[in-house]
Amino acid sequence: MSQFTLGLNAEQQRAVESTDGPLLILAGAGSGKTKTLTHRIAHLLDTQLATQYEILAVTFTNKAAKEMRERVAQLLAYRRDDKAFMPYMGTFHGICVRILRKDGQ
């Protein structure tokens, strides 16, 4: 059991440790989706199975995106207010704007 699976139930642990390809988590409100996703992202970054530029994490609200970024930063001991950390974590619109500004030509 890694530091990123502590406090998770069996299904959440399985999701965190699943590292072959993308993952979709469907669950009801209050079931620990955000915790599971943030722990999985931290696990992928910590084990160097992915870089922060290779992870796309889409949320529905700016508040949720900020919370996810802060949770991952806390798990990995990064600065919580670093806006450059996890550039492809955000809302659909925010991520698309970032991509268009970078590669719009």
PDB file of N, CA and C in Angstrom:
ATOM      1  N   MET A   1       0.845  -1.182   0.000  1.00  0.00           N
ATOM      2  CA  MET A   1       0.000   0.000   0.000  1.00  0.00           C
ATOM      3  C   MET A   1       0.890   1.244   0.000  1.00  0.00           C
ATOM      4  N   SER A   2       0.623   2.160  -0.928  1.00  0.00           N
ATOM      5  CA  SER A   2       1.434   3.364  -1.028  1.00  0.00           C
ATOM      6  C   SER A   2       0.837   4.485  -0.188  1.00  0.00           C
ATOM      7  N   GLN A   3       1.568   5.565  -0.078  1.00  0.00           N
ATOM      8  CA  GLN A   3       1.084   6.722   0.673  1.00  0.00           C
ATOM      9  C   GLN A   3      -0.161   7.323   0.026  1.00  0.00           C
ATOM     10  N   PHE A   4      -0.368   7.042  -1.265  1.00  0.00           N
ATOM     11  CA  PHE A   4      -1.497   7.618  -1.978  1.00  0.00           C
ATOM     12  C   PHE A   4      -2.753   6.766  -1.902  1.00  0.00           C
ATOM     13  N   THR A   5      -2.679   5.601  -1.276  1.00  0.00           N
ATOM     14  CA  THR A   5      -3.872   4.765  -1.121  1.00  0.00           C
ATOM     15  C   THR A   5      -4.330   4.682   0.335  1.00  0.00           C
ATOM     16  N   LEU A   6      -3.597   5.303   1.231  1.00  0.00           N
ATOM     17  CA  LEU A   6      -4.007   5.305   2.639  1.00  0.00           C
ATOM     18  C   LEU A   6      -5.337   6.034   2.801  1.00  0.00           C
ATOM     19  N   GLY A   7      -6.242   5.438   3.534  1.00  0.00           N
ATOM     20  CA  GLY A   7      -7.527   6.056   3.792  1.00  0.00           C
ATOM     21  C   GLY A   7      -8.549   5.885   2.689  1.00  0.00           C
ATOM     22  N   LEU A   8      -8.216   5.114   1.661  1.00  0.00           N
ATOM     23  CA  LEU A   8      -9.148   4.875   0.559  1.00  0.00           C
ATOM     24  C   LEU A   8      -9.768   3.489   0.691  1.00  0.00           C
ATOM     25  N   ASN A   9     -10.994   3.339   0.187  1.00  0.00           N
ATOM     26  CA  ASN A   9     -11.605   2.013   0.191  1.00  0.00           C
ATOM     27  C   ASN A   9     -11.023   1.180  -0.957  1.00  0.00           C
ATOM     28  N   ALA A  10     -11.413  -0.067  -1.053  1.00  0.00           N
ATOM     29  CA  ALA A  10     -10.818  -0.987  -2.030  1.00  0.00           C
ATOM     30  C   ALA A  10     -10.992  -0.515  -3.472  1.00  0.00           C
ATOM     31  N   GLU A  11     -12.172  -0.015  -3.822  1.00  0.00           N
ATOM     32  CA  GLU A  11     -12.414   0.454  -5.198  1.00  0.00           C
ATOM     33  C   GLU A  11     -11.598   1.704  -5.498  1.00  0.00           C
ATOM     34  N   GLN A  12     -11.489   2.595  -4.533  1.00  0.00           N
ATOM     35  CA  GLN A  12     -10.682   3.799  -4.712  1.00  0.00           C
ATOM     36  C   GLN A  12      -9.212   3.435  -4.870  1.00  0.00           C
ATOM     37  N   GLN A  13      -8.730   2.493  -4.065  1.00  0.00           N
ATOM     38  CA  GLN A  13      -7.345   2.039  -4.177  1.00  0.00           C
ATOM     39  C   GLN A  13      -7.084   1.458  -5.555  1.00  0.00           C
ATOM     40  N   ARG A  14      -8.029   0.666  -6.053  1.00  0.00           N
ATOM     41  CA  ARG A  14      -7.885   0.059  -7.372  1.00  0.00           C
ATOM     42  C   ARG A  14      -7.781   1.137  -8.453  1.00  0.00           C
ATOM     43  N   ALA A  15      -8.573   2.190  -8.335  1.00  0.00           N
ATOM     44  CA  ALA A  15      -8.538   3.286  -9.300  1.00  0.00           C
ATOM     45  C   ALA A  15      -7.201   4.030  -9.239  1.00  0.00           C
ATOM     46  N   VAL A  16      -6.693   4.274  -8.033  1.00  0.00           N
ATOM     47  CA  VAL A  16      -5.412   4.976  -7.873  1.00  0.00           C
ATOM     48  C   VAL A  16      -4.277   4.159  -8.483  1.00  0.00           C
ATOM     49  N   GLU A  17      -4.299   2.868  -8.272  1.00  0.00           N
ATOM     50  CA  GLU A  17      -3.207   2.006  -8.736  1.00  0.00           C
ATOM     51  C   GLU A  17      -3.360   1.566 -10.191  1.00  0.00           C
ATOM     52  N   SER A  18      -4.480   1.869 -10.819  1.00  0.00           N
ATOM     53  CA  SER A  18      -4.690   1.550 -12.234  1.00  0.00           C
ATOM     54  C   SER A  18      -3.937   2.576 -13.070  1.00  0.00           C
ATOM     55  N   THR A  19      -2.864   2.144 -13.706  1.00  0.00           N
ATOM     56  CA  THR A  19      -2.010   3.100 -14.418  1.00  0.00           C
ATOM     57  C   THR A  19      -1.905   2.824 -15.914  1.00  0.00           C
ATOM     58  N   ASP A  20      -2.667   1.877 -16.417  1.00  0.00           N
ATOM     59  CA  ASP A  20      -2.623   1.559 -17.845  1.00  0.00           C
ATOM     60  C   ASP A  20      -3.708   2.329 -18.578  1.00  0.00           C
ATOM     61  N   GLY A  21      -3.361   3.498 -19.072  1.00  0.00           N
ATOM     62  CA  GLY A  21      -4.300   4.270 -19.871  1.00  0.00           C
ATOM     63  C   GLY A  21      -5.221   5.154 -19.062  1.00  0.00           C
ATOM     64  N   PRO A  22      -6.194   5.750 -19.753  1.00  0.00           N
ATOM     65  CA  PRO A  22      -7.110   6.681 -19.094  1.00  0.00           C
ATOM     66  C   PRO A  22      -8.061   5.976 -18.139  1.00  0.00           C
ATOM     67  N   LEU A  23      -8.682   6.764 -17.284  1.00  0.00           N
ATOM     68  CA  LEU A  23      -9.596   6.224 -16.288  1.00  0.00           C
ATOM     69  C   LEU A  23     -10.793   7.148 -16.177  1.00  0.00           C
ATOM     70  N   LEU A  24     -11.992   6.578 -16.163  1.00  0.00           N
ATOM     71  CA  LEU A  24     -13.218   7.324 -15.947  1.00  0.00           C
ATOM     72  C   LEU A  24     -13.834   6.819 -14.653  1.00  0.00           C
ATOM     73  N   ILE A  25     -14.141   7.753 -13.771  1.00  0.00           N
ATOM     74  CA  ILE A  25     -14.761   7.388 -12.502  1.00  0.00           C
ATOM     75  C   ILE A  25     -16.176   7.944 -12.495  1.00  0.00           C
ATOM     76  N   LEU A  26     -17.138   7.048 -12.369  1.00  0.00           N
ATOM     77  CA  LEU A  26     -18.550   7.438 -12.277  1.00  0.00           C
ATOM     78  C   LEU A  26     -19.057   7.028 -10.904  1.00  0.00           C
ATOM     79  N   ALA A  27     -19.515   8.003 -10.134  1.00  0.00           N
ATOM     80  CA  ALA A  27     -20.024   7.713  -8.797  1.00  0.00           C
ATOM     81  C   ALA A  27     -20.882   8.878  -8.342  1.00  0.00           C
ATOM     82  N   GLY A  28     -21.662   8.653  -7.343  1.00  0.00           N
ATOM     83  CA  GLY A  28     -22.573   9.661  -6.828  1.00  0.00           C
ATOM     84  C   GLY A  28     -21.866  10.743  -6.020  1.00  0.00           C
ATOM     85  N   ALA A  29     -22.642  11.751  -5.682  1.00  0.00           N
ATOM     86  CA  ALA A  29     -22.128  12.873  -4.887  1.00  0.00           C
ATOM     87  C   ALA A  29     -21.633  12.382  -3.531  1.00  0.00           C
ATOM     88  N   GLY A  30     -20.493  12.923  -3.120  1.00  0.00           N
ATOM     89  CA  GLY A  30     -19.966  12.603  -1.800  1.00  0.00           C
ATOM     90  C   GLY A  30     -19.332  11.235  -1.678  1.00  0.00           C
ATOM     91  N   SER A  31     -19.043  10.593  -2.805  1.00  0.00           N
ATOM     92  CA  SER A  31     -18.504   9.230  -2.768  1.00  0.00           C
ATOM     93  C   SER A  31     -16.980   9.169  -2.803  1.00  0.00           C
ATOM     94  N   GLY A  32     -16.319  10.320  -2.917  1.00  0.00           N
ATOM     95  CA  GLY A  32     -14.862  10.343  -2.904  1.00  0.00           C
ATOM     96  C   GLY A  32     -14.210  10.385  -4.274  1.00  0.00           C
ATOM     97  N   LYS A  33     -14.940  10.849  -5.293  1.00  0.00           N
ATOM     98  CA  LYS A  33     -14.375  10.921  -6.648  1.00  0.00           C
ATOM     99  C   LYS A  33     -13.161  11.848  -6.703  1.00  0.00           C
ATOM    100  N   THR A  34     -13.305  13.046  -6.154  1.00  0.00           N
ATOM    101  CA  THR A  34     -12.211  14.013  -6.204  1.00  0.00           C
ATOM    102  C   THR A  34     -11.004  13.496  -5.449  1.00  0.00           C
ATOM    103  N   LYS A  35     -11.223  12.907  -4.299  1.00  0.00           N
ATOM    104  CA  LYS A  35     -10.111  12.348  -3.519  1.00  0.00           C
ATOM    105  C   LYS A  35      -9.413  11.251  -4.317  1.00  0.00           C
ATOM    106  N   THR A  36     -10.188  10.385  -4.939  1.00  0.00           N
ATOM    107  CA  THR A  36      -9.611   9.292  -5.723  1.00  0.00           C
ATOM    108  C   THR A  36      -8.806   9.830  -6.895  1.00  0.00           C
ATOM    109  N   LEU A  37      -9.374  10.781  -7.620  1.00  0.00           N
ATOM    110  CA  LEU A  37      -8.676  11.350  -8.782  1.00  0.00           C
ATOM    111  C   LEU A  37      -7.395  12.068  -8.377  1.00  0.00           C
ATOM    112  N   THR A  38      -7.465  12.861  -7.313  1.00  0.00           N
ATOM    113  CA  THR A  38      -6.270  13.594  -6.906  1.00  0.00           C
ATOM    114  C   THR A  38      -5.178  12.645  -6.420  1.00  0.00           C
ATOM    115  N   HIS A  39      -5.558  11.600  -5.733  1.00  0.00           N
ATOM    116  CA  HIS A  39      -4.568  10.625  -5.273  1.00  0.00           C
ATOM    117  C   HIS A  39      -3.967   9.861  -6.461  1.00  0.00           C
ATOM    118  N   ARG A  40      -4.791   9.564  -7.465  1.00  0.00           N
ATOM    119  CA  ARG A  40      -4.281   8.875  -8.658  1.00  0.00           C
ATOM    120  C   ARG A  40      -3.303   9.774  -9.414  1.00  0.00           C
ATOM    121  N   ILE A  41      -3.649  11.032  -9.580  1.00  0.00           N
ATOM    122  CA  ILE A  41      -2.759  11.967 -10.267  1.00  0.00           C
ATOM    123  C   ILE A  41      -1.446  12.099  -9.504  1.00  0.00           C
ATOM    124  N   ALA A  42      -1.515  12.244  -8.196  1.00  0.00           N
ATOM    125  CA  ALA A  42      -0.297  12.346  -7.382  1.00  0.00           C
ATOM    126  C   ALA A  42       0.544  11.079  -7.524  1.00  0.00           C
ATOM    127  N   HIS A  43      -0.107   9.915  -7.535  1.00  0.00           N
ATOM    128  CA  HIS A  43       0.609   8.638  -7.703  1.00  0.00           C
ATOM    129  C   HIS A  43       1.310   8.585  -9.062  1.00  0.00           C
ATOM    130  N   LEU A  44       0.624   8.992 -10.123  1.00  0.00           N
ATOM    131  CA  LEU A  44       1.227   8.986 -11.462  1.00  0.00           C
ATOM    132  C   LEU A  44       2.431   9.918 -11.540  1.00  0.00           C
ATOM    133  N   LEU A  45       2.309  11.090 -10.932  1.00  0.00           N
ATOM    134  CA  LEU A  45       3.419  12.045 -10.942  1.00  0.00           C
ATOM    135  C   LEU A  45       4.576  11.571 -10.068  1.00  0.00           C
ATOM    136  N   ASP A  46       4.266  11.065  -8.888  1.00  0.00           N
ATOM    137  CA  ASP A  46       5.296  10.617  -7.956  1.00  0.00           C
ATOM    138  C   ASP A  46       6.105   9.447  -8.503  1.00  0.00           C
ATOM    139  N   THR A  47       5.447   8.537  -9.204  1.00  0.00           N
ATOM    140  CA  THR A  47       6.130   7.367  -9.764  1.00  0.00           C
ATOM    141  C   THR A  47       6.702   7.649 -11.149  1.00  0.00           C
ATOM    142  N   GLN A  48       6.543   8.883 -11.611  1.00  0.00           N
ATOM    143  CA  GLN A  48       7.045   9.328 -12.917  1.00  0.00           C
ATOM    144  C   GLN A  48       6.476   8.507 -14.071  1.00  0.00           C
ATOM    145  N   LEU A  49       5.248   8.030 -13.894  1.00  0.00           N
ATOM    146  CA  LEU A  49       4.544   7.358 -14.990  1.00  0.00           C
ATOM    147  C   LEU A  49       3.931   8.384 -15.933  1.00  0.00           C
ATOM    148  N   ALA A  50       3.867   9.639 -15.478  1.00  0.00           N
ATOM    149  CA  ALA A  50       3.376  10.749 -16.296  1.00  0.00           C
ATOM    150  C   ALA A  50       3.955  12.043 -15.747  1.00  0.00           C
ATOM    151  N   THR A  51       3.997  13.053 -16.603  1.00  0.00           N
ATOM    152  CA  THR A  51       4.381  14.389 -16.153  1.00  0.00           C
ATOM    153  C   THR A  51       3.112  15.220 -16.036  1.00  0.00           C
ATOM    154  N   GLN A  52       3.226  16.366 -15.421  1.00  0.00           N
ATOM    155  CA  GLN A  52       2.058  17.230 -15.267  1.00  0.00           C
ATOM    156  C   GLN A  52       1.526  17.714 -16.613  1.00  0.00           C
ATOM    157  N   TYR A  53       2.346  17.645 -17.658  1.00  0.00           N
ATOM    158  CA  TYR A  53       1.924  18.065 -18.992  1.00  0.00           C
ATOM    159  C   TYR A  53       1.239  16.937 -19.757  1.00  0.00           C
ATOM    160  N   GLU A  54       1.224  15.743 -19.210  1.00  0.00           N
ATOM    161  CA  GLU A  54       0.620  14.585 -19.863  1.00  0.00           C
ATOM    162  C   GLU A  54      -0.707  14.167 -19.225  1.00  0.00           C
ATOM    163  N   ILE A  55      -1.164  14.939 -18.262  1.00  0.00           N
ATOM    164  CA  ILE A  55      -2.395  14.604 -17.553  1.00  0.00           C
ATOM    165  C   ILE A  55      -3.464  15.645 -17.864  1.00  0.00           C
ATOM    166  N   LEU A  56      -4.604  15.168 -18.335  1.00  0.00           N
ATOM    167  CA  LEU A  56      -5.763  16.018 -18.579  1.00  0.00           C
ATOM    168  C   LEU A  56      -6.816  15.684 -17.530  1.00  0.00           C
ATOM    169  N   ALA A  57      -7.155  16.656 -16.700  1.00  0.00           N
ATOM    170  CA  ALA A  57      -8.159  16.462 -15.653  1.00  0.00           C
ATOM    171  C   ALA A  57      -9.212  17.555 -15.808  1.00  0.00           C
ATOM    172  N   VAL A  58     -10.383  17.177 -16.278  1.00  0.00           N
ATOM    173  CA  VAL A  58     -11.443  18.131 -16.585  1.00  0.00           C
ATOM    174  C   VAL A  58     -12.499  18.100 -15.483  1.00  0.00           C
ATOM    175  N   THR A  59     -12.842  19.280 -14.984  1.00  0.00           N
ATOM    176  CA  THR A  59     -13.892  19.421 -13.985  1.00  0.00           C
ATOM    177  C   THR A  59     -14.964  20.351 -14.531  1.00  0.00           C
ATOM    178  N   PHE A  60     -16.052  20.510 -13.793  1.00  0.00           N
ATOM    179  CA  PHE A  60     -17.152  21.342 -14.264  1.00  0.00           C
ATOM    180  C   PHE A  60     -17.083  22.782 -13.780  1.00  0.00           C
ATOM    181  N   THR A  61     -16.405  23.016 -12.681  1.00  0.00           N
ATOM    182  CA  THR A  61     -16.378  24.375 -12.130  1.00  0.00           C
ATOM    183  C   THR A  61     -14.952  24.813 -11.814  1.00  0.00           C
ATOM    184  N   ASN A  62     -14.756  26.116 -11.817  1.00  0.00           N
ATOM    185  CA  ASN A  62     -13.450  26.673 -11.435  1.00  0.00           C
ATOM    186  C   ASN A  62     -13.110  26.315  -9.997  1.00  0.00           C
ATOM    187  N   LYS A  63     -14.112  26.307  -9.136  1.00  0.00           N
ATOM    188  CA  LYS A  63     -13.896  25.962  -7.729  1.00  0.00           C
ATOM    189  C   LYS A  63     -13.364  24.536  -7.604  1.00  0.00           C
ATOM    190  N   ALA A  64     -13.962  23.605  -8.346  1.00  0.00           N
ATOM    191  CA  ALA A  64     -13.515  22.212  -8.298  1.00  0.00           C
ATOM    192  C   ALA A  64     -12.101  22.080  -8.857  1.00  0.00           C
ATOM    193  N   ALA A  65     -11.798  22.798  -9.925  1.00  0.00           N
ATOM    194  CA  ALA A  65     -10.458  22.739 -10.515  1.00  0.00           C
ATOM    195  C   ALA A  65      -9.406  23.259  -9.541  1.00  0.00           C
ATOM    196  N   LYS A  66      -9.722  24.362  -8.876  1.00  0.00           N
ATOM    197  CA  LYS A  66      -8.793  24.930  -7.893  1.00  0.00           C
ATOM    198  C   LYS A  66      -8.571  23.953  -6.743  1.00  0.00           C
ATOM    199  N   GLU A  67      -9.652  23.341  -6.275  1.00  0.00           N
ATOM    200  CA  GLU A  67      -9.540  22.396  -5.168  1.00  0.00           C
ATOM    201  C   GLU A  67      -8.706  21.177  -5.572  1.00  0.00           C
ATOM    202  N   MET A  68      -8.933  20.672  -6.773  1.00  0.00           N
ATOM    203  CA  MET A  68      -8.146  19.520  -7.232  1.00  0.00           C
ATOM    204  C   MET A  68      -6.669  19.873  -7.311  1.00  0.00           C
ATOM    205  N   ARG A  69      -6.359  21.025  -7.905  1.00  0.00           N
ATOM    206  CA  ARG A  69      -4.957  21.445  -8.040  1.00  0.00           C
ATOM    207  C   ARG A  69      -4.308  21.579  -6.670  1.00  0.00           C
ATOM    208  N   GLU A  70      -5.021  22.177  -5.728  1.00  0.00           N
ATOM    209  CA  GLU A  70      -4.483  22.355  -4.374  1.00  0.00           C
ATOM    210  C   GLU A  70      -4.265  21.020  -3.674  1.00  0.00           C
ATOM    211  N   ARG A  71      -5.183  20.077  -3.857  1.00  0.00           N
ATOM    212  CA  ARG A  71      -5.037  18.760  -3.217  1.00  0.00           C
ATOM    213  C   ARG A  71      -3.835  18.009  -3.769  1.00  0.00           C
ATOM    214  N   VAL A  72      -3.656  18.027  -5.089  1.00  0.00           N
ATOM    215  CA  VAL A  72      -2.508  17.327  -5.689  1.00  0.00           C
ATOM    216  C   VAL A  72      -1.218  17.992  -5.230  1.00  0.00           C
ATOM    217  N   ALA A  73      -1.194  19.315  -5.231  1.00  0.00           N
ATOM    218  CA  ALA A  73       0.000  20.042  -4.783  1.00  0.00           C
ATOM    219  C   ALA A  73       0.336  19.683  -3.342  1.00  0.00           C
ATOM    220  N   GLN A  74      -0.669  19.603  -2.498  1.00  0.00           N
ATOM    221  CA  GLN A  74      -0.442  19.261  -1.093  1.00  0.00           C
ATOM    222  C   GLN A  74       0.108  17.839  -0.954  1.00  0.00           C
ATOM    223  N   LEU A  75      -0.444  16.903  -1.714  1.00  0.00           N
ATOM    224  CA  LEU A  75       0.028  15.512  -1.645  1.00  0.00           C
ATOM    225  C   LEU A  75       1.490  15.388  -2.064  1.00  0.00           C
ATOM    226  N   LEU A  76       1.919  16.250  -2.998  1.00  0.00           N
ATOM    227  CA  LEU A  76       3.283  16.164  -3.526  1.00  0.00           C
ATOM    228  C   LEU A  76       4.215  17.229  -2.957  1.00  0.00           C
ATOM    229  N   ALA A  77       3.733  17.998  -1.999  1.00  0.00           N
ATOM    230  CA  ALA A  77       4.511  19.064  -1.356  1.00  0.00           C
ATOM    231  C   ALA A  77       4.949  20.137  -2.357  1.00  0.00           C
ATOM    232  N   TYR A  78       4.067  20.493  -3.289  1.00  0.00           N
ATOM    233  CA  TYR A  78       4.280  21.617  -4.196  1.00  0.00           C
ATOM    234  C   TYR A  78       3.624  22.852  -3.583  1.00  0.00           C
ATOM    235  N   ARG A  79       3.932  24.005  -4.144  1.00  0.00           N
ATOM    236  CA  ARG A  79       3.272  25.237  -3.707  1.00  0.00           C
ATOM    237  C   ARG A  79       1.816  25.207  -4.154  1.00  0.00           C
ATOM    238  N   ARG A  80       0.907  25.420  -3.252  1.00  0.00           N
ATOM    239  CA  ARG A  80      -0.528  25.350  -3.558  1.00  0.00           C
ATOM    240  C   ARG A  80      -1.004  26.468  -4.465  1.00  0.00           C
ATOM    241  N   ASP A  81      -0.297  27.611  -4.467  1.00  0.00           N
ATOM    242  CA  ASP A  81      -0.731  28.765  -5.258  1.00  0.00           C
ATOM    243  C   ASP A  81      -0.021  28.863  -6.609  1.00  0.00           C
ATOM    244  N   ASP A  82       0.715  27.840  -6.995  1.00  0.00           N
ATOM    245  CA  ASP A  82       1.451  27.842  -8.268  1.00  0.00           C
ATOM    246  C   ASP A  82       0.479  27.599  -9.418  1.00  0.00           C
ATOM    247  N   LYS A  83       0.149  28.653 -10.148  1.00  0.00           N
ATOM    248  CA  LYS A  83      -0.823  28.556 -11.245  1.00  0.00           C
ATOM    249  C   LYS A  83      -0.280  27.747 -12.422  1.00  0.00           C
ATOM    250  N   ALA A  84       1.032  27.627 -12.544  1.00  0.00           N
ATOM    251  CA  ALA A  84       1.629  26.872 -13.654  1.00  0.00           C
ATOM    252  C   ALA A  84       1.598  25.366 -13.403  1.00  0.00           C
ATOM    253  N   PHE A  85       1.382  24.967 -12.159  1.00  0.00           N
ATOM    254  CA  PHE A  85       1.333  23.556 -11.814  1.00  0.00           C
ATOM    255  C   PHE A  85       0.053  22.949 -12.386  1.00  0.00           C
ATOM    256  N   MET A  86       0.160  21.811 -13.021  1.00  0.00           N
ATOM    257  CA  MET A  86      -0.968  21.084 -13.624  1.00  0.00           C
ATOM    258  C   MET A  86      -1.711  21.961 -14.646  1.00  0.00           C
ATOM    259  N   PRO A  87      -1.044  22.311 -15.743  1.00  0.00           N
ATOM    260  CA  PRO A  87      -1.654  23.231 -16.711  1.00  0.00           C
ATOM    261  C   PRO A  87      -2.903  22.694 -17.403  1.00  0.00           C
ATOM    262  N   TYR A  88      -3.083  21.383 -17.429  1.00  0.00           N
ATOM    263  CA  TYR A  88      -4.252  20.814 -18.091  1.00  0.00           C
ATOM    264  C   TYR A  88      -5.229  20.230 -17.081  1.00  0.00           C
ATOM    265  N   MET A  89      -5.354  20.922 -15.976  1.00  0.00           N
ATOM    266  CA  MET A  89      -6.358  20.601 -14.968  1.00  0.00           C
ATOM    267  C   MET A  89      -7.247  21.829 -14.860  1.00  0.00           C
ATOM    268  N   GLY A  90      -8.505  21.665 -15.164  1.00  0.00           N
ATOM    269  CA  GLY A  90      -9.404  22.802 -15.105  1.00  0.00           C
ATOM    270  C   GLY A  90     -10.742  22.466 -15.719  1.00  0.00           C
ATOM    271  N   THR A  91     -11.474  23.521 -16.050  1.00  0.00           N
ATOM    272  CA  THR A  91     -12.756  23.326 -16.717  1.00  0.00           C
ATOM    273  C   THR A  91     -12.512  23.085 -18.200  1.00  0.00           C
ATOM    274  N   PHE A  92     -13.507  22.529 -18.868  1.00  0.00           N
ATOM    275  CA  PHE A  92     -13.406  22.301 -20.313  1.00  0.00           C
ATOM    276  C   PHE A  92     -13.041  23.595 -21.031  1.00  0.00           C
ATOM    277  N   HIS A  93     -13.745  24.673 -20.707  1.00  0.00           N
ATOM    278  CA  HIS A  93     -13.504  25.953 -21.378  1.00  0.00           C
ATOM    279  C   HIS A  93     -12.122  26.519 -21.054  1.00  0.00           C
ATOM    280  N   GLY A  94     -11.728  26.437 -19.805  1.00  0.00           N
ATOM    281  CA  GLY A  94     -10.424  26.961 -19.414  1.00  0.00           C
ATOM    282  C   GLY A  94      -9.267  26.238 -20.086  1.00  0.00           C
ATOM    283  N   ILE A  95      -9.360  24.928 -20.158  1.00  0.00           N
ATOM    284  CA  ILE A  95      -8.307  24.136 -20.792  1.00  0.00           C
ATOM    285  C   ILE A  95      -8.251  24.422 -22.293  1.00  0.00           C
ATOM    286  N   CYS A  96      -9.420  24.491 -22.926  1.00  0.00           N
ATOM    287  CA  CYS A  96      -9.459  24.762 -24.365  1.00  0.00           C
ATOM    288  C   CYS A  96      -8.892  26.140 -24.693  1.00  0.00           C
ATOM    289  N   VAL A  97      -9.208  27.147 -23.891  1.00  0.00           N
ATOM    290  CA  VAL A  97      -8.652  28.484 -24.100  1.00  0.00           C
ATOM    291  C   VAL A  97      -7.134  28.447 -23.991  1.00  0.00           C
ATOM    292  N   ARG A  98      -6.619  27.733 -23.000  1.00  0.00           N
ATOM    293  CA  ARG A  98      -5.167  27.635 -22.817  1.00  0.00           C
ATOM    294  C   ARG A  98      -4.514  26.997 -24.043  1.00  0.00           C
ATOM    295  N   ILE A  99      -5.101  25.929 -24.548  1.00  0.00           N
ATOM    296  CA  ILE A  99      -4.558  25.235 -25.722  1.00  0.00           C
ATOM    297  C   ILE A  99      -4.620  26.149 -26.944  1.00  0.00           C
ATOM    298  N   LEU A 100      -5.742  26.840 -27.154  1.00  0.00           N
ATOM    299  CA  LEU A 100      -5.872  27.727 -28.306  1.00  0.00           C
ATOM    300  C   LEU A 100      -4.886  28.888 -28.249  1.00  0.00           C
ATOM    301  N   ARG A 101      -4.664  29.436 -27.057  1.00  0.00           N
ATOM    302  CA  ARG A 101      -3.703  30.538 -26.929  1.00  0.00           C
ATOM    303  C   ARG A 101      -2.272  30.062 -27.219  1.00  0.00           C
ATOM    304  N   LYS A 102      -1.993  28.839 -26.851  1.00  0.00           N
ATOM    305  CA  LYS A 102      -0.650  28.297 -27.062  1.00  0.00           C
ATOM    306  C   LYS A 102      -0.441  27.836 -28.504  1.00  0.00           C
ATOM    307  N   ASP A 103      -1.425  27.149 -29.072  1.00  0.00           N
ATOM    308  CA  ASP A 103      -1.266  26.517 -30.380  1.00  0.00           C
ATOM    309  C   ASP A 103      -2.343  26.926 -31.370  1.00  0.00           C
ATOM    310  N   GLY A 104      -2.912  28.088 -31.209  1.00  0.00           N
ATOM    311  CA  GLY A 104      -4.039  28.525 -32.025  1.00  0.00           C
ATOM    312  C   GLY A 104      -3.742  28.728 -33.503  1.00  0.00           C
ATOM    313  N   GLN A 105      -2.506  28.960 -33.849  1.00  0.00           N
ATOM    314  CA  GLN A 105      -2.177  29.207 -35.248  1.00  0.00           C
ATOM    315  C   GLN A 105      -2.381  27.935 -36.037  1.00  0.00           C
TER     316      GLN A 105
END
